[in-house]
């Protein structure tokens, strides 16, 4: 299994759900349970802000996640499953109908996610991964990448370390106050933003909270800005996204200078994701060397940007 297996389920009454079967030997079950507890708590305030996110559907005993033994090989394999309400919408990109107005709404959606996280009180036993420099750039990553030195050329390793060092400096400057640090999505990309055009404009739904954890809010802007940077009118899209974010949550303008490094940090950290697929699953569905070469090319491109 490359990532989670997600199945669309239609109930007898016509309502749709997403059934997730989690990849074995990757995410800890307590991380998933905490993710679901967080979604359960923030679903209503986000709905009031017209941001659509999945809501966990409990089992008959009230559990948000259940363990199931699958008959594979000589011994059954235990997987964890959960059921979520379906989030309607389509993935759009700038070449397929997503313009500045839609990007503005996507920025607003991320700001509301961060605002909802600020009001969330973690219950006893709540446990999500922490996305700091250690887990982003070392073998302690939740992606379980194994040894790193054999994955990168000497030049790429030097650049990788440079991005890590610069990210550490940025995180130290941002601090750990509630305005800068909290529960983040960590994979806020266009693929996880489902848009619907309504009479009032774009409606945004956000899915795939699998990598949610504790981290710096500013770094949460890096993945989607990396997506938008692929297009010639990136400057305009970037301005729309940041304006949308600021429509719901403060973002001091001086922090924009950090964004190219944090975009590069996202790409560098994804090298560990690619390595983790092979290390934890033995999967050959991703060409690790090719993926890392692409990511390091993107690192160089992001660092060359002017803030």
C-alpha atoms as a PDB file:
ATOM      1  CA  UNK A   1       0.000   0.000   0.000  1.00  0.00           C
ATOM      2  CA  UNK A   2       1.641   3.260  -1.178  1.00  0.00           C
ATOM      3  CA  UNK A   3      -0.409   5.578   1.034  1.00  0.00           C
ATOM      4  CA  UNK A   4      -3.751   5.197   2.749  1.00  0.00           C
ATOM      5  CA  UNK A   5      -6.403   3.371   0.744  1.00  0.00           C
ATOM      6  CA  UNK A   6      -9.485   5.606   0.580  1.00  0.00           C
ATOM      7  CA  UNK A   7     -12.840   4.245  -0.563  1.00  0.00           C
ATOM      8  CA  UNK A   8     -15.978   6.198  -1.432  1.00  0.00           C
ATOM      9  CA  UNK A   9     -18.949   4.723   0.425  1.00  0.00           C
ATOM     10  CA  UNK A  10     -22.581   5.503  -0.382  1.00  0.00           C
ATOM     11  CA  UNK A  11     -25.091   4.677   2.339  1.00  0.00           C
ATOM     12  CA  UNK A  12     -28.635   3.469   1.724  1.00  0.00           C
ATOM     13  CA  UNK A  13     -29.950   7.003   2.320  1.00  0.00           C
ATOM     14  CA  UNK A  14     -27.651   8.367  -0.384  1.00  0.00           C
ATOM     15  CA  UNK A  15     -25.170  10.072   1.896  1.00  0.00           C
ATOM     16  CA  UNK A  16     -21.509   9.644   0.961  1.00  0.00           C
ATOM     17  CA  UNK A  17     -18.527   8.909   3.176  1.00  0.00           C
ATOM     18  CA  UNK A  18     -14.801   8.325   2.857  1.00  0.00           C
ATOM     19  CA  UNK A  19     -13.491   5.073   4.353  1.00  0.00           C
ATOM     20  CA  UNK A  20      -9.774   5.254   5.113  1.00  0.00           C
ATOM     21  CA  UNK A  21      -7.631   2.142   5.547  1.00  0.00           C
ATOM     22  CA  UNK A  22      -4.335   3.346   6.947  1.00  0.00           C
ATOM     23  CA  UNK A  23      -1.002   2.178   5.579  1.00  0.00           C
ATOM     24  CA  UNK A  24       0.608  -0.310   8.002  1.00  0.00           C
ATOM     25  CA  UNK A  25       3.888   0.535   9.712  1.00  0.00           C
ATOM     26  CA  UNK A  26       3.549   4.238   9.118  1.00  0.00           C
ATOM     27  CA  UNK A  27       1.365   6.434  11.264  1.00  0.00           C
ATOM     28  CA  UNK A  28       0.849   5.566  14.910  1.00  0.00           C
ATOM     29  CA  UNK A  29      -2.782   4.748  15.763  1.00  0.00           C
ATOM     30  CA  UNK A  30      -2.732   7.383  18.528  1.00  0.00           C
ATOM     31  CA  UNK A  31      -1.800   9.995  15.930  1.00  0.00           C
ATOM     32  CA  UNK A  32      -4.828   9.058  13.847  1.00  0.00           C
ATOM     33  CA  UNK A  33      -7.140   9.095  16.867  1.00  0.00           C
ATOM     34  CA  UNK A  34      -5.855  12.544  17.809  1.00  0.00           C
ATOM     35  CA  UNK A  35      -6.303  13.823  14.253  1.00  0.00           C
ATOM     36  CA  UNK A  36      -9.910  12.626  14.333  1.00  0.00           C
ATOM     37  CA  UNK A  37     -10.513  14.206  17.747  1.00  0.00           C
ATOM     38  CA  UNK A  38      -9.196  17.495  16.381  1.00  0.00           C
ATOM     39  CA  UNK A  39     -11.422  17.317  13.285  1.00  0.00           C
ATOM     40  CA  UNK A  40     -14.400  16.484  15.455  1.00  0.00           C
ATOM     41  CA  UNK A  41     -13.763  19.579  17.578  1.00  0.00           C
ATOM     42  CA  UNK A  42     -13.110  22.102  14.800  1.00  0.00           C
ATOM     43  CA  UNK A  43     -15.696  20.910  12.282  1.00  0.00           C
ATOM     44  CA  UNK A  44     -18.475  23.172  13.596  1.00  0.00           C
ATOM     45  CA  UNK A  45     -16.492  26.426  13.935  1.00  0.00           C
ATOM     46  CA  UNK A  46     -15.027  25.884  10.484  1.00  0.00           C
ATOM     47  CA  UNK A  47     -18.495  25.242   9.044  1.00  0.00           C
ATOM     48  CA  UNK A  48     -19.618  28.562  10.542  1.00  0.00           C
ATOM     49  CA  UNK A  49     -16.804  30.189   8.560  1.00  0.00           C
ATOM     50  CA  UNK A  50     -17.959  28.301   5.410  1.00  0.00           C
ATOM     51  CA  UNK A  51     -14.878  26.063   5.404  1.00  0.00           C
ATOM     52  CA  UNK A  52     -15.746  22.416   4.744  1.00  0.00           C
ATOM     53  CA  UNK A  53     -13.660  19.677   6.385  1.00  0.00           C
ATOM     54  CA  UNK A  54     -14.447  15.985   6.978  1.00  0.00           C
ATOM     55  CA  UNK A  55     -16.160  14.997  10.202  1.00  0.00           C
ATOM     56  CA  UNK A  56     -15.379  11.630  11.805  1.00  0.00           C
ATOM     57  CA  UNK A  57     -18.236   9.125  11.990  1.00  0.00           C
ATOM     58  CA  UNK A  58     -17.985   7.042  15.178  1.00  0.00           C
ATOM     59  CA  UNK A  59     -18.432   3.287  15.316  1.00  0.00           C
ATOM     60  CA  UNK A  60     -21.326   1.820  17.324  1.00  0.00           C
ATOM     61  CA  UNK A  61     -19.168   1.823  20.450  1.00  0.00           C
ATOM     62  CA  UNK A  62     -18.220   5.471  19.928  1.00  0.00           C
ATOM     63  CA  UNK A  63     -14.677   4.769  18.709  1.00  0.00           C
ATOM     64  CA  UNK A  64     -13.420   7.044  15.939  1.00  0.00           C
ATOM     65  CA  UNK A  65     -10.905   4.465  14.713  1.00  0.00           C
ATOM     66  CA  UNK A  66     -11.106   0.673  14.629  1.00  0.00           C
ATOM     67  CA  UNK A  67      -8.503  -2.069  14.124  1.00  0.00           C
ATOM     68  CA  UNK A  68      -9.192  -4.766  11.533  1.00  0.00           C
ATOM     69  CA  UNK A  69      -7.194  -7.938  10.881  1.00  0.00           C
ATOM     70  CA  UNK A  70      -6.661  -8.655   7.192  1.00  0.00           C
ATOM     71  CA  UNK A  71      -5.879 -12.235   6.089  1.00  0.00           C
ATOM     72  CA  UNK A  72      -2.594 -11.593   4.258  1.00  0.00           C
ATOM     73  CA  UNK A  73       0.153 -14.199   4.001  1.00  0.00           C
ATOM     74  CA  UNK A  74       0.917 -16.544   6.877  1.00  0.00           C
ATOM     75  CA  UNK A  75      -0.188 -14.062   9.555  1.00  0.00           C
ATOM     76  CA  UNK A  76      -3.063 -11.581   9.558  1.00  0.00           C
ATOM     77  CA  UNK A  77      -2.101  -7.938   9.166  1.00  0.00           C
ATOM     78  CA  UNK A  78      -3.735  -5.385  11.432  1.00  0.00           C
ATOM     79  CA  UNK A  79      -4.815  -2.125   9.826  1.00  0.00           C
ATOM     80  CA  UNK A  80      -6.619   0.837  11.330  1.00  0.00           C
ATOM     81  CA  UNK A  81      -9.704   2.240   9.647  1.00  0.00           C
ATOM     82  CA  UNK A  82     -11.975   5.237  10.080  1.00  0.00           C
ATOM     83  CA  UNK A  83     -14.994   6.750   8.390  1.00  0.00           C
ATOM     84  CA  UNK A  84     -15.338  10.428   7.481  1.00  0.00           C
ATOM     85  CA  UNK A  85     -18.080  12.510   5.959  1.00  0.00           C
ATOM     86  CA  UNK A  86     -17.554  13.220   2.280  1.00  0.00           C
ATOM     87  CA  UNK A  87     -16.235  16.630   1.224  1.00  0.00           C
ATOM     88  CA  UNK A  88     -17.595  17.702  -2.138  1.00  0.00           C
ATOM     89  CA  UNK A  89     -15.553  19.596  -4.697  1.00  0.00           C
ATOM     90  CA  UNK A  90     -12.930  19.361  -7.385  1.00  0.00           C
ATOM     91  CA  UNK A  91      -9.187  19.912  -7.430  1.00  0.00           C
ATOM     92  CA  UNK A  92      -8.477  22.953  -9.569  1.00  0.00           C
ATOM     93  CA  UNK A  93      -5.212  24.500 -10.621  1.00  0.00           C
ATOM     94  CA  UNK A  94      -4.403  27.760 -12.402  1.00  0.00           C
ATOM     95  CA  UNK A  95      -4.546  25.989 -15.782  1.00  0.00           C
ATOM     96  CA  UNK A  96      -7.944  24.452 -14.969  1.00  0.00           C
ATOM     97  CA  UNK A  97     -10.088  27.297 -13.720  1.00  0.00           C
ATOM     98  CA  UNK A  98      -8.390  28.425 -10.499  1.00  0.00           C
ATOM     99  CA  UNK A  99      -7.772  32.166 -10.634  1.00  0.00           C
ATOM    100  CA  UNK A 100      -6.883  34.852  -8.086  1.00  0.00           C
ATOM    101  CA  UNK A 101     -10.368  34.818  -6.524  1.00  0.00           C
ATOM    102  CA  UNK A 102     -10.215  31.082  -5.895  1.00  0.00           C
ATOM    103  CA  UNK A 103      -6.667  31.331  -4.566  1.00  0.00           C
ATOM    104  CA  UNK A 104      -7.844  34.126  -2.234  1.00  0.00           C
ATOM    105  CA  UNK A 105     -10.454  31.748  -0.792  1.00  0.00           C
ATOM    106  CA  UNK A 106      -7.859  29.003  -0.366  1.00  0.00           C
ATOM    107  CA  UNK A 107      -5.687  31.404   1.624  1.00  0.00           C
ATOM    108  CA  UNK A 108      -8.696  32.334   3.734  1.00  0.00           C
ATOM    109  CA  UNK A 109      -9.424  28.649   4.372  1.00  0.00           C
ATOM    110  CA  UNK A 110      -5.918  28.018   5.716  1.00  0.00           C
ATOM    111  CA  UNK A 111      -6.178  31.041   7.998  1.00  0.00           C
ATOM    112  CA  UNK A 112      -9.440  29.733   9.427  1.00  0.00           C
ATOM    113  CA  UNK A 113      -7.829  26.328  10.020  1.00  0.00           C
ATOM    114  CA  UNK A 114      -5.128  28.038  12.041  1.00  0.00           C
ATOM    115  CA  UNK A 115      -7.702  30.114  13.926  1.00  0.00           C
ATOM    116  CA  UNK A 116      -9.703  27.010  14.786  1.00  0.00           C
ATOM    117  CA  UNK A 117      -6.542  25.315  16.026  1.00  0.00           C
ATOM    118  CA  UNK A 118      -5.864  28.273  18.330  1.00  0.00           C
ATOM    119  CA  UNK A 119      -9.167  27.693  20.128  1.00  0.00           C
ATOM    120  CA  UNK A 120      -8.738  23.920  20.378  1.00  0.00           C
ATOM    121  CA  UNK A 121      -7.969  22.460  23.799  1.00  0.00           C
ATOM    122  CA  UNK A 122      -6.141  19.151  23.529  1.00  0.00           C
ATOM    123  CA  UNK A 123      -7.780  16.451  25.680  1.00  0.00           C
ATOM    124  CA  UNK A 124      -5.881  13.990  27.833  1.00  0.00           C
ATOM    125  CA  UNK A 125      -4.021  11.445  25.711  1.00  0.00           C
ATOM    126  CA  UNK A 126      -3.923  13.731  22.665  1.00  0.00           C
ATOM    127  CA  UNK A 127      -0.780  13.020  20.648  1.00  0.00           C
ATOM    128  CA  UNK A 128       0.236  14.355  17.247  1.00  0.00           C
ATOM    129  CA  UNK A 129       3.715  14.426  15.698  1.00  0.00           C
ATOM    130  CA  UNK A 130       5.812  17.563  15.981  1.00  0.00           C
ATOM    131  CA  UNK A 131       7.066  19.056  12.729  1.00  0.00           C
ATOM    132  CA  UNK A 132      10.285  20.763  13.764  1.00  0.00           C
ATOM    133  CA  UNK A 133      13.721  20.801  12.158  1.00  0.00           C
ATOM    134  CA  UNK A 134      14.579  17.415  13.647  1.00  0.00           C
ATOM    135  CA  UNK A 135      11.538  15.637  12.234  1.00  0.00           C
ATOM    136  CA  UNK A 136      11.650  17.534   8.940  1.00  0.00           C
ATOM    137  CA  UNK A 137      15.300  16.905   8.108  1.00  0.00           C
ATOM    138  CA  UNK A 138      16.655  13.914  10.026  1.00  0.00           C
ATOM    139  CA  UNK A 139      16.115  10.178  10.347  1.00  0.00           C
ATOM    140  CA  UNK A 140      13.740  10.934  13.235  1.00  0.00           C
ATOM    141  CA  UNK A 141      11.113  11.926  10.661  1.00  0.00           C
ATOM    142  CA  UNK A 142       7.714  10.229  11.113  1.00  0.00           C
ATOM    143  CA  UNK A 143       8.162   9.128   7.484  1.00  0.00           C
ATOM    144  CA  UNK A 144      10.822   6.653   8.730  1.00  0.00           C
ATOM    145  CA  UNK A 145      13.279   7.293   5.896  1.00  0.00           C
ATOM    146  CA  UNK A 146      16.200   5.262   7.228  1.00  0.00           C
ATOM    147  CA  UNK A 147      19.783   6.464   6.594  1.00  0.00           C
ATOM    148  CA  UNK A 148      19.904   9.706   4.646  1.00  0.00           C
ATOM    149  CA  UNK A 149      23.503  10.025   3.501  1.00  0.00           C
ATOM    150  CA  UNK A 150      23.163   7.337   0.845  1.00  0.00           C
ATOM    151  CA  UNK A 151      20.185   9.095  -0.731  1.00  0.00           C
ATOM    152  CA  UNK A 152      21.795  12.426  -1.637  1.00  0.00           C
ATOM    153  CA  UNK A 153      24.802  13.412  -3.714  1.00  0.00           C
ATOM    154  CA  UNK A 154      27.499  15.457  -1.986  1.00  0.00           C
ATOM    155  CA  UNK A 155      26.180  18.685  -3.529  1.00  0.00           C
ATOM    156  CA  UNK A 156      22.579  17.870  -2.656  1.00  0.00           C
ATOM    157  CA  UNK A 157      23.516  16.912   0.881  1.00  0.00           C
ATOM    158  CA  UNK A 158      25.277  20.247   1.359  1.00  0.00           C
ATOM    159  CA  UNK A 159      22.238  22.102   0.049  1.00  0.00           C
ATOM    160  CA  UNK A 160      19.887  19.963   2.148  1.00  0.00           C
ATOM    161  CA  UNK A 161      21.870  20.849   5.277  1.00  0.00           C
ATOM    162  CA  UNK A 162      21.841  24.526   4.323  1.00  0.00           C
ATOM    163  CA  UNK A 163      18.045  24.505   4.056  1.00  0.00           C
ATOM    164  CA  UNK A 164      17.817  22.730   7.407  1.00  0.00           C
ATOM    165  CA  UNK A 165      20.089  25.296   9.078  1.00  0.00           C
ATOM    166  CA  UNK A 166      18.198  28.250   7.608  1.00  0.00           C
ATOM    167  CA  UNK A 167      14.871  26.720   8.659  1.00  0.00           C
ATOM    168  CA  UNK A 168      16.115  26.323  12.229  1.00  0.00           C
ATOM    169  CA  UNK A 169      16.991  30.031  12.291  1.00  0.00           C
ATOM    170  CA  UNK A 170      13.527  30.954  10.998  1.00  0.00           C
ATOM    171  CA  UNK A 171      11.746  28.744  13.518  1.00  0.00           C
ATOM    172  CA  UNK A 172      13.790  30.258  16.344  1.00  0.00           C
ATOM    173  CA  UNK A 173      12.848  33.754  15.196  1.00  0.00           C
ATOM    174  CA  UNK A 174       9.176  32.872  14.927  1.00  0.00           C
ATOM    175  CA  UNK A 175       9.110  31.496  18.458  1.00  0.00           C
ATOM    176  CA  UNK A 176       6.507  29.223  19.983  1.00  0.00           C
ATOM    177  CA  UNK A 177       3.729  31.630  20.913  1.00  0.00           C
ATOM    178  CA  UNK A 178       0.130  30.836  19.952  1.00  0.00           C
ATOM    179  CA  UNK A 179       0.276  33.343  17.097  1.00  0.00           C
ATOM    180  CA  UNK A 180       3.159  31.446  15.501  1.00  0.00           C
ATOM    181  CA  UNK A 181       2.902  27.820  16.607  1.00  0.00           C
ATOM    182  CA  UNK A 182       0.113  25.284  16.968  1.00  0.00           C
ATOM    183  CA  UNK A 183      -1.647  22.445  15.161  1.00  0.00           C
ATOM    184  CA  UNK A 184      -1.001  22.696  11.421  1.00  0.00           C
ATOM    185  CA  UNK A 185      -2.260  20.765   8.414  1.00  0.00           C
ATOM    186  CA  UNK A 186       1.307  20.155   7.135  1.00  0.00           C
ATOM    187  CA  UNK A 187       0.140  19.005   3.697  1.00  0.00           C
ATOM    188  CA  UNK A 188      -1.924  21.991   2.592  1.00  0.00           C
ATOM    189  CA  UNK A 189      -1.559  21.634  -1.182  1.00  0.00           C
ATOM    190  CA  UNK A 190      -3.924  22.232  -4.083  1.00  0.00           C
ATOM    191  CA  UNK A 191      -4.603  18.485  -4.264  1.00  0.00           C
ATOM    192  CA  UNK A 192      -6.145  18.690  -0.788  1.00  0.00           C
ATOM    193  CA  UNK A 193      -8.306  21.752  -1.501  1.00  0.00           C
ATOM    194  CA  UNK A 194     -11.666  20.845  -3.032  1.00  0.00           C
ATOM    195  CA  UNK A 195     -13.440  23.819  -4.543  1.00  0.00           C
ATOM    196  CA  UNK A 196     -17.057  24.332  -5.539  1.00  0.00           C
ATOM    197  CA  UNK A 197     -18.272  27.396  -7.437  1.00  0.00           C
ATOM    198  CA  UNK A 198     -21.414  28.845  -5.838  1.00  0.00           C
ATOM    199  CA  UNK A 199     -23.559  31.910  -6.458  1.00  0.00           C
ATOM    200  CA  UNK A 200     -21.459  33.692  -3.823  1.00  0.00           C
ATOM    201  CA  UNK A 201     -18.102  32.622  -5.246  1.00  0.00           C
ATOM    202  CA  UNK A 202     -15.738  29.796  -4.435  1.00  0.00           C
ATOM    203  CA  UNK A 203     -16.447  27.413  -1.559  1.00  0.00           C
ATOM    204  CA  UNK A 204     -13.360  25.601  -0.243  1.00  0.00           C
ATOM    205  CA  UNK A 205     -13.190  22.171   1.362  1.00  0.00           C
ATOM    206  CA  UNK A 206      -9.982  20.846   2.904  1.00  0.00           C
ATOM    207  CA  UNK A 207      -9.153  17.152   3.204  1.00  0.00           C
ATOM    208  CA  UNK A 208      -6.253  14.833   4.074  1.00  0.00           C
ATOM    209  CA  UNK A 209      -5.260  15.758   7.611  1.00  0.00           C
ATOM    210  CA  UNK A 210      -3.090  12.621   7.859  1.00  0.00           C
ATOM    211  CA  UNK A 211       0.085  14.623   8.461  1.00  0.00           C
ATOM    212  CA  UNK A 212      -1.420  17.155  10.839  1.00  0.00           C
ATOM    213  CA  UNK A 213       0.729  17.904  13.847  1.00  0.00           C
ATOM    214  CA  UNK A 214       2.371  20.593  15.928  1.00  0.00           C
ATOM    215  CA  UNK A 215       4.339  23.130  13.928  1.00  0.00           C
ATOM    216  CA  UNK A 216       4.818  26.719  12.816  1.00  0.00           C
ATOM    217  CA  UNK A 217       1.843  28.255  11.045  1.00  0.00           C
ATOM    218  CA  UNK A 218       4.043  30.132   8.591  1.00  0.00           C
ATOM    219  CA  UNK A 219       5.568  26.862   7.368  1.00  0.00           C
ATOM    220  CA  UNK A 220       2.028  25.656   6.574  1.00  0.00           C
ATOM    221  CA  UNK A 221       1.930  28.230   3.768  1.00  0.00           C
ATOM    222  CA  UNK A 222       4.946  26.706   2.036  1.00  0.00           C
ATOM    223  CA  UNK A 223       3.380  23.659   0.320  1.00  0.00           C
ATOM    224  CA  UNK A 224       0.579  25.459  -1.520  1.00  0.00           C
ATOM    225  CA  UNK A 225       2.813  28.388  -2.449  1.00  0.00           C
ATOM    226  CA  UNK A 226       5.147  25.798  -3.936  1.00  0.00           C
ATOM    227  CA  UNK A 227       2.245  24.564  -6.076  1.00  0.00           C
ATOM    228  CA  UNK A 228       1.366  28.067  -7.214  1.00  0.00           C
ATOM    229  CA  UNK A 229       4.972  28.914  -8.027  1.00  0.00           C
ATOM    230  CA  UNK A 230       4.774  26.584 -11.044  1.00  0.00           C
ATOM    231  CA  UNK A 231       2.776  29.217 -12.952  1.00  0.00           C
ATOM    232  CA  UNK A 232       3.991  32.353 -14.789  1.00  0.00           C
ATOM    233  CA  UNK A 233       1.644  34.655 -12.837  1.00  0.00           C
ATOM    234  CA  UNK A 234       2.865  33.355  -9.475  1.00  0.00           C
ATOM    235  CA  UNK A 235       3.383  36.853  -8.067  1.00  0.00           C
ATOM    236  CA  UNK A 236      -0.258  37.682  -8.586  1.00  0.00           C
ATOM    237  CA  UNK A 237      -1.443  34.339  -7.213  1.00  0.00           C
ATOM    238  CA  UNK A 238       0.859  34.686  -4.211  1.00  0.00           C
ATOM    239  CA  UNK A 239      -0.533  38.143  -3.453  1.00  0.00           C
ATOM    240  CA  UNK A 240      -4.116  36.817  -3.703  1.00  0.00           C
ATOM    241  CA  UNK A 241      -3.322  33.883  -1.419  1.00  0.00           C
ATOM    242  CA  UNK A 242      -1.690  36.078   1.212  1.00  0.00           C
ATOM    243  CA  UNK A 243      -4.522  38.621   1.014  1.00  0.00           C
ATOM    244  CA  UNK A 244      -6.985  35.778   1.544  1.00  0.00           C
ATOM    245  CA  UNK A 245      -5.048  34.555   4.557  1.00  0.00           C
ATOM    246  CA  UNK A 246      -4.921  38.068   6.020  1.00  0.00           C
ATOM    247  CA  UNK A 247      -8.685  38.429   5.588  1.00  0.00           C
ATOM    248  CA  UNK A 248      -9.092  35.961   8.476  1.00  0.00           C
ATOM    249  CA  UNK A 249      -5.824  35.973  10.442  1.00  0.00           C
ATOM    250  CA  UNK A 250      -2.908  38.316  10.996  1.00  0.00           C
ATOM    251  CA  UNK A 251       0.252  37.784   8.972  1.00  0.00           C
ATOM    252  CA  UNK A 252       2.939  40.438   9.488  1.00  0.00           C
ATOM    253  CA  UNK A 253       4.422  41.478   6.164  1.00  0.00           C
ATOM    254  CA  UNK A 254       7.986  41.125   7.381  1.00  0.00           C
ATOM    255  CA  UNK A 255       7.427  37.373   7.684  1.00  0.00           C
ATOM    256  CA  UNK A 256       7.014  37.083   3.900  1.00  0.00           C
ATOM    257  CA  UNK A 257      10.807  37.196   3.586  1.00  0.00           C
ATOM    258  CA  UNK A 258      10.916  33.692   5.108  1.00  0.00           C
ATOM    259  CA  UNK A 259       8.559  32.091   2.599  1.00  0.00           C
ATOM    260  CA  UNK A 260      11.065  31.059  -0.121  1.00  0.00           C
ATOM    261  CA  UNK A 261      13.138  29.155   2.452  1.00  0.00           C
ATOM    262  CA  UNK A 262      10.048  27.496   3.901  1.00  0.00           C
ATOM    263  CA  UNK A 263       8.922  26.510   0.401  1.00  0.00           C
ATOM    264  CA  UNK A 264      12.363  24.985  -0.122  1.00  0.00           C
ATOM    265  CA  UNK A 265      12.105  23.259   3.262  1.00  0.00           C
ATOM    266  CA  UNK A 266       8.893  21.550   2.173  1.00  0.00           C
ATOM    267  CA  UNK A 267      10.593  20.130  -0.915  1.00  0.00           C
ATOM    268  CA  UNK A 268      13.644  19.012   1.055  1.00  0.00           C
ATOM    269  CA  UNK A 269      11.501  17.284   3.662  1.00  0.00           C
ATOM    270  CA  UNK A 270       9.615  15.421   0.918  1.00  0.00           C
ATOM    271  CA  UNK A 271      12.861  13.604   0.129  1.00  0.00           C
ATOM    272  CA  UNK A 272      12.357  11.824   3.442  1.00  0.00           C
ATOM    273  CA  UNK A 273       8.769  10.979   2.505  1.00  0.00           C
ATOM    274  CA  UNK A 274       9.943   9.277  -0.686  1.00  0.00           C
ATOM    275  CA  UNK A 275      12.641   7.359   1.161  1.00  0.00           C
ATOM    276  CA  UNK A 276      10.153   6.356   3.844  1.00  0.00           C
ATOM    277  CA  UNK A 277       7.870   4.649   1.336  1.00  0.00           C
ATOM    278  CA  UNK A 278      10.625   2.269   0.347  1.00  0.00           C
ATOM    279  CA  UNK A 279      12.055   1.846   3.823  1.00  0.00           C
ATOM    280  CA  UNK A 280       8.756   1.098   5.570  1.00  0.00           C
ATOM    281  CA  UNK A 281       6.849  -0.718   2.814  1.00  0.00           C
ATOM    282  CA  UNK A 282       9.408  -1.933   0.288  1.00  0.00           C
ATOM    283  CA  UNK A 283       7.249  -0.238  -2.353  1.00  0.00           C
ATOM    284  CA  UNK A 284       8.787   0.409  -5.751  1.00  0.00           C
ATOM    285  CA  UNK A 285       5.855   2.581  -6.884  1.00  0.00           C
ATOM    286  CA  UNK A 286       7.919   5.726  -6.376  1.00  0.00           C
ATOM    287  CA  UNK A 287      11.341   6.072  -8.002  1.00  0.00           C
ATOM    288  CA  UNK A 288      13.160   7.452  -4.962  1.00  0.00           C
ATOM    289  CA  UNK A 289      16.187   8.741  -6.869  1.00  0.00           C
ATOM    290  CA  UNK A 290      14.010  10.468  -9.467  1.00  0.00           C
ATOM    291  CA  UNK A 291      11.758  11.962  -6.807  1.00  0.00           C
ATOM    292  CA  UNK A 292      14.692  13.280  -4.779  1.00  0.00           C
ATOM    293  CA  UNK A 293      16.296  14.779  -7.893  1.00  0.00           C
ATOM    294  CA  UNK A 294      13.034  16.616  -8.612  1.00  0.00           C
ATOM    295  CA  UNK A 295      12.700  17.845  -5.029  1.00  0.00           C
ATOM    296  CA  UNK A 296      16.256  19.140  -4.870  1.00  0.00           C
ATOM    297  CA  UNK A 297      15.742  20.949  -8.179  1.00  0.00           C
ATOM    298  CA  UNK A 298      12.718  22.615  -6.615  1.00  0.00           C
ATOM    299  CA  UNK A 299      14.776  23.500  -3.530  1.00  0.00           C
ATOM    300  CA  UNK A 300      17.209  25.393  -5.734  1.00  0.00           C
ATOM    301  CA  UNK A 301      14.377  27.135  -7.580  1.00  0.00           C
ATOM    302  CA  UNK A 302      12.678  28.270  -4.360  1.00  0.00           C
ATOM    303  CA  UNK A 303      15.888  29.584  -2.822  1.00  0.00           C
ATOM    304  CA  UNK A 304      16.530  31.627  -5.973  1.00  0.00           C
ATOM    305  CA  UNK A 305      13.237  33.515  -5.521  1.00  0.00           C
ATOM    306  CA  UNK A 306      13.134  37.008  -4.163  1.00  0.00           C
ATOM    307  CA  UNK A 307      10.674  37.394  -1.316  1.00  0.00           C
END
